[in-house]
């Protein structure tokens, strides 16, 4: 009886960790924490200079900044698109029939 209880407990623990793994964040570098070590409060990024993201910029690139530039809600870095028409994107795999929640911070640039 004791070994059967131990097997059931081990299976429950494995199931618990599997459910946590299934809820992992699907977005790579979602907090824009890579690369670390921004020199000064910001740096311009172009092309593949922001891991996990595809960037497109018509002017100067995407601005990658740290919290000394403007506070962020999570982590210590964020991005800003300099001009209309600039964008960043990322694709990720999903499964049919599963629910997903996507959330993000948005701040309007003003002069």
C-alpha atoms as a PDB file:
ATOM      1  CA  UNK A   1       0.000   0.000   0.000  1.00  0.00           C
ATOM      2  CA  UNK A   2       2.812   2.388   0.890  1.00  0.00           C
ATOM      3  CA  UNK A   3       4.568   2.002  -2.502  1.00  0.00           C
ATOM      4  CA  UNK A   4       1.278   2.555  -4.349  1.00  0.00           C
ATOM      5  CA  UNK A   5       0.743   5.794  -2.370  1.00  0.00           C
ATOM      6  CA  UNK A   6       4.315   6.914  -3.180  1.00  0.00           C
ATOM      7  CA  UNK A   7       3.743   6.245  -6.909  1.00  0.00           C
ATOM      8  CA  UNK A   8       0.491   8.224  -6.836  1.00  0.00           C
ATOM      9  CA  UNK A   9       2.224  11.126  -5.031  1.00  0.00           C
ATOM     10  CA  UNK A  10       5.102  11.114  -7.552  1.00  0.00           C
ATOM     11  CA  UNK A  11       2.607  11.133 -10.441  1.00  0.00           C
ATOM     12  CA  UNK A  12       0.748  14.059  -8.850  1.00  0.00           C
ATOM     13  CA  UNK A  13       3.992  16.037  -8.507  1.00  0.00           C
ATOM     14  CA  UNK A  14       4.946  15.354 -12.139  1.00  0.00           C
ATOM     15  CA  UNK A  15       1.464  16.422 -13.251  1.00  0.00           C
ATOM     16  CA  UNK A  16       1.722  19.611 -11.230  1.00  0.00           C
ATOM     17  CA  UNK A  17       5.040  20.579 -12.827  1.00  0.00           C
ATOM     18  CA  UNK A  18       3.727  19.636 -16.274  1.00  0.00           C
ATOM     19  CA  UNK A  19       0.774  21.986 -15.854  1.00  0.00           C
ATOM     20  CA  UNK A  20       3.155  24.819 -14.872  1.00  0.00           C
ATOM     21  CA  UNK A  21       5.284  24.125 -17.945  1.00  0.00           C
ATOM     22  CA  UNK A  22       2.174  24.206 -20.159  1.00  0.00           C
ATOM     23  CA  UNK A  23       1.422  27.727 -18.910  1.00  0.00           C
ATOM     24  CA  UNK A  24       4.878  29.050 -19.798  1.00  0.00           C
ATOM     25  CA  UNK A  25       5.128  32.371 -21.586  1.00  0.00           C
ATOM     26  CA  UNK A  26       5.040  31.832 -25.346  1.00  0.00           C
ATOM     27  CA  UNK A  27       6.536  35.234 -26.148  1.00  0.00           C
ATOM     28  CA  UNK A  28      10.328  35.377 -26.366  1.00  0.00           C
ATOM     29  CA  UNK A  29      11.913  38.400 -24.693  1.00  0.00           C
ATOM     30  CA  UNK A  30       8.456  39.802 -23.927  1.00  0.00           C
ATOM     31  CA  UNK A  31       9.864  42.220 -21.348  1.00  0.00           C
ATOM     32  CA  UNK A  32      12.571  43.422 -23.744  1.00  0.00           C
ATOM     33  CA  UNK A  33      15.191  42.448 -21.161  1.00  0.00           C
ATOM     34  CA  UNK A  34      17.669  41.265 -23.827  1.00  0.00           C
ATOM     35  CA  UNK A  35      20.192  42.513 -24.574  1.00  0.00           C
ATOM     36  CA  UNK A  36      21.094  43.866 -21.159  1.00  0.00           C
ATOM     37  CA  UNK A  37      23.601  46.629 -20.641  1.00  0.00           C
ATOM     38  CA  UNK A  38      22.110  49.560 -22.474  1.00  0.00           C
ATOM     39  CA  UNK A  39      24.712  52.359 -22.581  1.00  0.00           C
ATOM     40  CA  UNK A  40      22.954  55.456 -21.274  1.00  0.00           C
ATOM     41  CA  UNK A  41      19.193  55.613 -20.952  1.00  0.00           C
ATOM     42  CA  UNK A  42      18.512  54.299 -24.484  1.00  0.00           C
ATOM     43  CA  UNK A  43      19.918  52.749 -27.666  1.00  0.00           C
ATOM     44  CA  UNK A  44      18.483  52.413 -31.161  1.00  0.00           C
ATOM     45  CA  UNK A  45      17.813  48.862 -32.412  1.00  0.00           C
ATOM     46  CA  UNK A  46      17.403  47.733 -36.013  1.00  0.00           C
ATOM     47  CA  UNK A  47      16.851  44.425 -37.816  1.00  0.00           C
ATOM     48  CA  UNK A  48      17.531  41.501 -35.477  1.00  0.00           C
ATOM     49  CA  UNK A  49      19.120  43.524 -32.638  1.00  0.00           C
ATOM     50  CA  UNK A  50      16.207  42.773 -30.271  1.00  0.00           C
ATOM     51  CA  UNK A  51      16.207  38.988 -29.662  1.00  0.00           C
ATOM     52  CA  UNK A  52      12.887  37.285 -30.396  1.00  0.00           C
ATOM     53  CA  UNK A  53      11.479  40.225 -32.342  1.00  0.00           C
ATOM     54  CA  UNK A  54      11.391  41.345 -35.963  1.00  0.00           C
ATOM     55  CA  UNK A  55      11.808  45.117 -36.263  1.00  0.00           C
ATOM     56  CA  UNK A  56      10.901  47.455 -39.093  1.00  0.00           C
ATOM     57  CA  UNK A  57      11.854  51.099 -39.048  1.00  0.00           C
ATOM     58  CA  UNK A  58      11.608  53.872 -41.588  1.00  0.00           C
ATOM     59  CA  UNK A  59      13.658  56.238 -39.430  1.00  0.00           C
ATOM     60  CA  UNK A  60      16.365  55.685 -36.777  1.00  0.00           C
ATOM     61  CA  UNK A  61      15.080  52.319 -35.573  1.00  0.00           C
ATOM     62  CA  UNK A  62      13.240  51.180 -32.513  1.00  0.00           C
ATOM     63  CA  UNK A  63      14.362  52.782 -29.252  1.00  0.00           C
ATOM     64  CA  UNK A  64      15.295  50.309 -26.512  1.00  0.00           C
ATOM     65  CA  UNK A  65      15.383  52.076 -23.162  1.00  0.00           C
ATOM     66  CA  UNK A  66      15.899  51.392 -19.487  1.00  0.00           C
ATOM     67  CA  UNK A  67      14.026  52.654 -16.437  1.00  0.00           C
ATOM     68  CA  UNK A  68      16.178  55.768 -16.133  1.00  0.00           C
ATOM     69  CA  UNK A  69      14.389  57.005 -19.276  1.00  0.00           C
ATOM     70  CA  UNK A  70      10.820  56.143 -18.281  1.00  0.00           C
ATOM     71  CA  UNK A  71       9.392  53.700 -15.722  1.00  0.00           C
ATOM     72  CA  UNK A  72       8.112  50.342 -16.990  1.00  0.00           C
ATOM     73  CA  UNK A  73       5.549  48.083 -15.311  1.00  0.00           C
ATOM     74  CA  UNK A  74       7.624  44.886 -15.390  1.00  0.00           C
ATOM     75  CA  UNK A  75      11.349  44.273 -15.659  1.00  0.00           C
ATOM     76  CA  UNK A  76      13.730  47.130 -16.297  1.00  0.00           C
ATOM     77  CA  UNK A  77      13.626  47.758 -20.063  1.00  0.00           C
ATOM     78  CA  UNK A  78      11.065  48.660 -22.734  1.00  0.00           C
ATOM     79  CA  UNK A  79      10.866  49.712 -26.390  1.00  0.00           C
ATOM     80  CA  UNK A  80       9.433  52.670 -28.237  1.00  0.00           C
ATOM     81  CA  UNK A  81       8.754  53.136 -31.938  1.00  0.00           C
ATOM     82  CA  UNK A  82      10.050  56.539 -33.009  1.00  0.00           C
ATOM     83  CA  UNK A  83       7.734  57.358 -35.903  1.00  0.00           C
ATOM     84  CA  UNK A  84       4.414  56.164 -37.378  1.00  0.00           C
ATOM     85  CA  UNK A  85       4.994  53.177 -39.626  1.00  0.00           C
ATOM     86  CA  UNK A  86       7.668  51.600 -37.427  1.00  0.00           C
ATOM     87  CA  UNK A  87       6.715  48.241 -35.919  1.00  0.00           C
ATOM     88  CA  UNK A  88       7.898  45.188 -34.050  1.00  0.00           C
ATOM     89  CA  UNK A  89       6.375  41.714 -34.307  1.00  0.00           C
ATOM     90  CA  UNK A  90       6.711  38.165 -33.114  1.00  0.00           C
ATOM     91  CA  UNK A  91       4.969  34.939 -34.114  1.00  0.00           C
ATOM     92  CA  UNK A  92       4.340  32.080 -31.705  1.00  0.00           C
ATOM     93  CA  UNK A  93       2.709  28.659 -31.825  1.00  0.00           C
ATOM     94  CA  UNK A  94      -0.723  28.040 -30.318  1.00  0.00           C
ATOM     95  CA  UNK A  95      -2.961  24.994 -29.985  1.00  0.00           C
ATOM     96  CA  UNK A  96      -6.554  24.743 -31.241  1.00  0.00           C
ATOM     97  CA  UNK A  97      -9.060  24.767 -28.396  1.00  0.00           C
ATOM     98  CA  UNK A  98      -6.762  26.386 -25.817  1.00  0.00           C
ATOM     99  CA  UNK A  99      -7.321  29.834 -24.346  1.00  0.00           C
ATOM    100  CA  UNK A 100      -4.562  32.435 -24.376  1.00  0.00           C
ATOM    101  CA  UNK A 101      -4.257  35.861 -22.809  1.00  0.00           C
ATOM    102  CA  UNK A 102      -2.035  38.516 -24.327  1.00  0.00           C
ATOM    103  CA  UNK A 103      -1.400  41.737 -22.439  1.00  0.00           C
ATOM    104  CA  UNK A 104       0.916  44.640 -22.993  1.00  0.00           C
ATOM    105  CA  UNK A 105       1.688  48.171 -21.888  1.00  0.00           C
ATOM    106  CA  UNK A 106       1.145  51.020 -24.300  1.00  0.00           C
ATOM    107  CA  UNK A 107       2.259  54.583 -23.846  1.00  0.00           C
ATOM    108  CA  UNK A 108       1.466  57.338 -26.341  1.00  0.00           C
ATOM    109  CA  UNK A 109       4.518  59.338 -27.351  1.00  0.00           C
ATOM    110  CA  UNK A 110       3.998  63.057 -26.882  1.00  0.00           C
ATOM    111  CA  UNK A 111       6.250  66.056 -27.247  1.00  0.00           C
END
